[in-house]
């Protein structure tokens, strides 16, 4: 990924939800590496970044993220496994993945 000659950001391969993963939007930072995330399935989850990804992932409010709900308390908690760039967010929106999140975008 990078920028093309027109200054637009190129979109390579975009990671889409698999199995029981859901898309979400970060509503608030809660401190101690936790975030309040509204997910496309209608649940509001307290999410964290797993240890292996913690250093490389910078998340702000209104970021679009990929959430993997926990096996236990899956409707309330989950892990953030991916953060989308603006170009990837536009790609997802064009293809209808973010329809459930439009009120927060």
N, C-alpha and C. Protein backbone atom coordinates (compact mmCIF):
# COMPACT_ATOMS: atom_id res chain seq x y z
N UNK A 1 0.84 -1.17 0.00
CA UNK A 1 0.00 0.00 0.00
C UNK A 1 0.89 1.23 0.00
N UNK A 2 0.37 2.29 -0.44
CA UNK A 2 1.10 3.53 -0.52
C UNK A 2 0.25 4.54 -1.25
N UNK A 3 0.92 5.49 -1.87
CA UNK A 3 0.18 6.50 -2.61
C UNK A 3 0.52 6.38 -4.09
N UNK A 4 -0.47 6.63 -4.94
CA UNK A 4 -0.22 6.61 -6.36
C UNK A 4 0.20 8.01 -6.82
N UNK A 5 0.35 8.21 -8.12
CA UNK A 5 0.82 9.49 -8.66
C UNK A 5 -0.14 10.64 -8.39
N UNK A 6 -1.42 10.36 -8.21
CA UNK A 6 -2.42 11.41 -7.96
C UNK A 6 -2.48 11.81 -6.50
N UNK A 7 -1.72 11.17 -5.63
CA UNK A 7 -1.74 11.48 -4.22
C UNK A 7 -2.81 10.74 -3.44
N UNK A 8 -3.55 9.86 -4.15
CA UNK A 8 -4.59 9.08 -3.48
C UNK A 8 -3.97 7.83 -2.86
N UNK A 9 -4.53 7.41 -1.74
CA UNK A 9 -4.01 6.22 -1.08
C UNK A 9 -4.54 4.98 -1.80
N UNK A 10 -3.64 4.04 -2.10
CA UNK A 10 -4.04 2.81 -2.77
C UNK A 10 -4.53 1.80 -1.75
N UNK A 11 -5.50 1.03 -2.17
CA UNK A 11 -6.02 -0.03 -1.31
C UNK A 11 -5.56 -1.36 -1.87
N UNK A 12 -4.79 -2.09 -1.09
CA UNK A 12 -4.36 -3.42 -1.50
C UNK A 12 -5.43 -4.42 -1.12
N UNK A 13 -5.03 -5.43 -0.43
CA UNK A 13 -5.96 -6.45 0.03
C UNK A 13 -6.57 -6.01 1.36
N UNK A 14 -7.87 -6.03 1.46
CA UNK A 14 -8.56 -5.58 2.67
C UNK A 14 -9.06 -6.80 3.43
N UNK A 15 -8.77 -6.81 4.72
CA UNK A 15 -9.19 -7.92 5.58
C UNK A 15 -10.68 -7.77 5.90
N UNK A 16 -11.46 -8.81 5.63
CA UNK A 16 -12.90 -8.78 5.89
C UNK A 16 -13.21 -9.75 7.03
N UNK A 17 -14.37 -9.58 7.68
CA UNK A 17 -14.71 -10.45 8.82
C UNK A 17 -14.86 -11.92 8.40
N UNK A 18 -14.32 -12.80 9.22
CA UNK A 18 -14.44 -14.24 9.00
C UNK A 18 -15.01 -14.89 10.25
N UNK A 19 -15.58 -16.06 10.08
CA UNK A 19 -16.14 -16.85 11.18
C UNK A 19 -17.05 -15.98 12.05
N UNK A 20 -16.69 -15.74 13.30
CA UNK A 20 -17.55 -14.96 14.18
C UNK A 20 -17.00 -13.55 14.45
N UNK A 21 -16.08 -13.08 13.61
CA UNK A 21 -15.55 -11.71 13.74
C UNK A 21 -16.60 -10.71 13.26
N UNK A 22 -16.58 -9.50 13.84
CA UNK A 22 -17.51 -8.45 13.43
C UNK A 22 -16.76 -7.13 13.29
N UNK A 23 -17.29 -6.26 12.46
CA UNK A 23 -16.74 -4.92 12.32
C UNK A 23 -17.30 -4.04 13.44
N UNK A 24 -16.52 -3.06 13.85
CA UNK A 24 -16.99 -2.15 14.89
C UNK A 24 -16.35 -0.79 14.75
N UNK A 25 -16.88 0.17 15.49
CA UNK A 25 -16.33 1.51 15.51
C UNK A 25 -16.06 1.89 16.96
N UNK A 26 -14.89 2.47 17.19
CA UNK A 26 -14.47 2.81 18.55
C UNK A 26 -15.24 4.04 19.01
N UNK A 27 -15.96 3.90 20.11
CA UNK A 27 -16.73 5.01 20.67
C UNK A 27 -15.91 5.80 21.68
N UNK A 28 -15.09 5.12 22.49
CA UNK A 28 -14.33 5.82 23.53
C UNK A 28 -13.15 4.98 23.98
N UNK A 29 -12.09 5.69 24.41
CA UNK A 29 -10.98 5.04 25.09
C UNK A 29 -11.32 4.97 26.56
N UNK A 30 -11.10 3.82 27.17
CA UNK A 30 -11.47 3.66 28.56
C UNK A 30 -10.27 3.58 29.49
N UNK A 31 -9.06 3.61 28.95
CA UNK A 31 -7.87 3.52 29.78
C UNK A 31 -7.42 2.08 29.95
N UNK A 32 -6.17 1.91 30.29
CA UNK A 32 -5.57 0.59 30.51
C UNK A 32 -5.71 -0.30 29.28
N UNK A 33 -5.64 0.29 28.08
CA UNK A 33 -5.67 -0.48 26.84
C UNK A 33 -7.03 -1.03 26.48
N UNK A 34 -8.08 -0.46 27.03
CA UNK A 34 -9.43 -0.92 26.72
C UNK A 34 -10.21 0.17 25.99
N UNK A 35 -11.13 -0.29 25.14
CA UNK A 35 -11.91 0.61 24.31
C UNK A 35 -13.37 0.17 24.32
N UNK A 36 -14.28 1.14 24.25
CA UNK A 36 -15.70 0.84 24.09
C UNK A 36 -15.96 0.84 22.59
N UNK A 37 -16.45 -0.27 22.07
CA UNK A 37 -16.64 -0.45 20.63
C UNK A 37 -18.09 -0.83 20.35
N UNK A 38 -18.73 -0.11 19.41
CA UNK A 38 -20.06 -0.50 18.94
C UNK A 38 -19.85 -1.41 17.74
N UNK A 39 -20.39 -2.63 17.80
CA UNK A 39 -20.18 -3.62 16.75
C UNK A 39 -21.38 -3.71 15.82
N UNK A 40 -21.13 -4.24 14.62
CA UNK A 40 -22.16 -4.32 13.59
C UNK A 40 -23.30 -5.26 13.96
N UNK A 41 -23.08 -6.16 14.93
CA UNK A 41 -24.15 -7.07 15.34
C UNK A 41 -25.07 -6.44 16.39
N UNK A 42 -24.85 -5.15 16.71
CA UNK A 42 -25.72 -4.43 17.63
C UNK A 42 -25.25 -4.44 19.08
N UNK A 43 -24.17 -5.11 19.38
CA UNK A 43 -23.65 -5.15 20.75
C UNK A 43 -22.60 -4.08 20.97
N UNK A 44 -22.55 -3.56 22.19
CA UNK A 44 -21.48 -2.65 22.59
C UNK A 44 -20.53 -3.46 23.46
N UNK A 45 -19.28 -3.56 23.04
CA UNK A 45 -18.33 -4.40 23.74
C UNK A 45 -17.18 -3.58 24.32
N UNK A 46 -16.64 -4.07 25.43
CA UNK A 46 -15.39 -3.56 25.97
C UNK A 46 -14.30 -4.41 25.33
N UNK A 47 -13.43 -3.79 24.54
CA UNK A 47 -12.43 -4.54 23.78
C UNK A 47 -11.03 -4.14 24.20
N UNK A 48 -10.11 -5.06 24.02
CA UNK A 48 -8.71 -4.80 24.31
C UNK A 48 -7.90 -5.22 23.09
N UNK A 49 -6.65 -4.78 23.05
CA UNK A 49 -5.73 -5.20 22.00
C UNK A 49 -4.89 -6.34 22.58
N UNK A 50 -4.87 -7.51 21.94
CA UNK A 50 -4.06 -8.60 22.47
C UNK A 50 -2.58 -8.21 22.52
N UNK A 51 -1.84 -8.83 23.41
CA UNK A 51 -0.45 -8.46 23.67
C UNK A 51 0.45 -8.46 22.45
N UNK A 52 0.27 -9.41 21.53
CA UNK A 52 1.15 -9.50 20.37
C UNK A 52 0.97 -8.34 19.41
N UNK A 53 -0.18 -7.68 19.44
CA UNK A 53 -0.46 -6.58 18.51
C UNK A 53 -0.44 -5.21 19.18
N UNK A 54 -0.19 -5.17 20.47
CA UNK A 54 -0.36 -3.94 21.24
C UNK A 54 0.58 -2.82 20.79
N UNK A 55 1.82 -3.12 20.50
CA UNK A 55 2.78 -2.07 20.16
C UNK A 55 2.55 -1.49 18.77
N UNK A 56 2.08 -2.28 17.83
CA UNK A 56 1.96 -1.82 16.45
C UNK A 56 0.63 -1.23 16.07
N UNK A 57 -0.34 -1.21 16.99
CA UNK A 57 -1.68 -0.76 16.64
C UNK A 57 -2.04 0.50 17.43
N UNK A 58 -2.23 1.60 16.73
CA UNK A 58 -2.63 2.86 17.36
C UNK A 58 -4.09 3.10 17.00
N UNK A 59 -4.91 3.22 18.02
CA UNK A 59 -6.35 3.35 17.80
C UNK A 59 -6.85 4.64 18.39
N UNK A 60 -7.66 5.36 17.61
CA UNK A 60 -8.28 6.60 18.06
C UNK A 60 -9.79 6.42 18.08
N UNK A 61 -10.48 7.36 18.69
CA UNK A 61 -11.94 7.36 18.66
C UNK A 61 -12.39 7.48 17.20
N UNK A 62 -13.45 6.81 16.84
CA UNK A 62 -14.03 6.76 15.49
C UNK A 62 -13.23 5.90 14.52
N UNK A 63 -12.26 5.13 14.99
CA UNK A 63 -11.56 4.19 14.12
C UNK A 63 -12.46 2.99 13.83
N UNK A 64 -12.39 2.48 12.61
CA UNK A 64 -13.11 1.26 12.26
C UNK A 64 -12.17 0.09 12.53
N UNK A 65 -12.65 -0.90 13.28
CA UNK A 65 -11.82 -2.01 13.72
C UNK A 65 -12.53 -3.33 13.46
N UNK A 66 -11.74 -4.41 13.46
CA UNK A 66 -12.26 -5.76 13.36
C UNK A 66 -12.17 -6.38 14.74
N UNK A 67 -13.30 -6.84 15.26
CA UNK A 67 -13.39 -7.35 16.63
C UNK A 67 -13.66 -8.85 16.60
N UNK A 68 -12.93 -9.57 17.44
CA UNK A 68 -13.20 -10.99 17.64
C UNK A 68 -13.77 -11.18 19.04
N UNK A 69 -15.08 -11.47 19.15
CA UNK A 69 -15.69 -11.63 20.47
C UNK A 69 -15.07 -12.81 21.23
N UNK A 70 -15.03 -12.68 22.55
CA UNK A 70 -14.51 -13.74 23.39
C UNK A 70 -15.47 -14.92 23.38
N UNK A 71 -14.95 -16.11 23.69
CA UNK A 71 -15.80 -17.30 23.81
C UNK A 71 -16.73 -17.17 25.02
N UNK A 72 -16.19 -16.64 26.12
CA UNK A 72 -16.97 -16.40 27.33
C UNK A 72 -17.28 -14.91 27.37
N UNK A 73 -18.49 -14.52 27.68
CA UNK A 73 -18.94 -13.14 27.70
C UNK A 73 -18.77 -12.47 26.33
N UNK A 74 -19.03 -13.20 25.27
CA UNK A 74 -18.82 -12.70 23.91
C UNK A 74 -19.68 -11.51 23.53
N UNK A 75 -20.85 -11.35 24.19
CA UNK A 75 -21.70 -10.20 23.88
C UNK A 75 -21.22 -8.94 24.58
N UNK A 76 -20.30 -9.06 25.53
CA UNK A 76 -19.83 -7.92 26.30
C UNK A 76 -18.36 -7.58 26.08
N UNK A 77 -17.55 -8.56 25.69
CA UNK A 77 -16.11 -8.34 25.59
C UNK A 77 -15.54 -8.96 24.32
N UNK A 78 -14.40 -8.41 23.89
CA UNK A 78 -13.76 -8.94 22.69
C UNK A 78 -12.35 -8.39 22.53
N UNK A 79 -11.66 -8.87 21.50
CA UNK A 79 -10.32 -8.43 21.16
C UNK A 79 -10.35 -7.67 19.84
N UNK A 80 -9.59 -6.59 19.77
CA UNK A 80 -9.44 -5.85 18.52
C UNK A 80 -8.27 -6.49 17.77
N UNK A 81 -8.56 -7.07 16.61
CA UNK A 81 -7.52 -7.78 15.87
C UNK A 81 -7.02 -7.01 14.65
N UNK A 82 -7.70 -5.94 14.25
CA UNK A 82 -7.27 -5.18 13.07
C UNK A 82 -7.87 -3.78 13.10
N UNK A 83 -7.09 -2.79 12.65
CA UNK A 83 -7.59 -1.42 12.49
C UNK A 83 -7.48 -1.07 11.02
N UNK A 84 -8.54 -0.47 10.48
CA UNK A 84 -8.59 -0.13 9.06
C UNK A 84 -8.14 1.31 8.83
N UNK A 85 -7.42 1.54 7.72
CA UNK A 85 -7.05 2.89 7.32
C UNK A 85 -8.27 3.56 6.69
N UNK A 86 -8.16 4.85 6.40
CA UNK A 86 -9.28 5.57 5.78
C UNK A 86 -9.63 5.01 4.41
N UNK A 87 -8.61 4.66 3.62
CA UNK A 87 -8.87 4.11 2.28
C UNK A 87 -9.55 2.75 2.40
N UNK A 88 -9.15 1.93 3.37
CA UNK A 88 -9.79 0.64 3.57
C UNK A 88 -11.22 0.82 4.09
N UNK A 89 -11.42 1.83 4.94
CA UNK A 89 -12.77 2.13 5.44
C UNK A 89 -13.69 2.51 4.28
N UNK A 90 -13.20 3.32 3.36
CA UNK A 90 -14.00 3.71 2.19
C UNK A 90 -14.32 2.50 1.31
N UNK A 91 -13.35 1.59 1.17
CA UNK A 91 -13.55 0.37 0.38
C UNK A 91 -14.65 -0.48 1.01
N UNK A 92 -14.60 -0.64 2.33
CA UNK A 92 -15.62 -1.42 3.04
C UNK A 92 -17.00 -0.77 2.92
N UNK A 93 -17.03 0.55 3.01
CA UNK A 93 -18.30 1.29 2.92
C UNK A 93 -18.91 1.14 1.53
N UNK A 94 -18.08 1.22 0.49
CA UNK A 94 -18.57 1.08 -0.89
C UNK A 94 -19.20 -0.28 -1.13
N UNK A 95 -18.71 -1.30 -0.45
CA UNK A 95 -19.19 -2.66 -0.66
C UNK A 95 -20.25 -3.09 0.36
N UNK A 96 -20.71 -2.18 1.22
CA UNK A 96 -21.82 -2.46 2.11
C UNK A 96 -21.49 -3.12 3.43
N UNK A 97 -20.22 -3.25 3.76
CA UNK A 97 -19.85 -3.87 5.03
C UNK A 97 -20.18 -2.99 6.24
N UNK A 98 -20.23 -1.68 6.04
CA UNK A 98 -20.42 -0.75 7.15
C UNK A 98 -21.85 -0.22 7.26
N UNK A 99 -22.80 -0.88 6.61
CA UNK A 99 -24.18 -0.38 6.62
C UNK A 99 -24.76 -0.31 8.03
N UNK A 100 -24.42 -1.26 8.90
CA UNK A 100 -24.95 -1.26 10.27
C UNK A 100 -24.31 -0.18 11.14
N UNK A 101 -23.17 0.36 10.71
CA UNK A 101 -22.43 1.35 11.50
C UNK A 101 -22.60 2.77 11.01
N UNK A 102 -23.44 3.00 9.98
CA UNK A 102 -23.55 4.31 9.35
C UNK A 102 -23.94 5.42 10.30
N UNK A 103 -24.72 5.14 11.33
CA UNK A 103 -25.12 6.21 12.25
C UNK A 103 -23.95 6.73 13.07
N UNK A 104 -22.86 5.97 13.17
CA UNK A 104 -21.69 6.40 13.94
C UNK A 104 -20.58 6.96 13.06
N UNK A 105 -20.67 6.78 11.74
CA UNK A 105 -19.62 7.25 10.84
C UNK A 105 -19.79 8.72 10.51
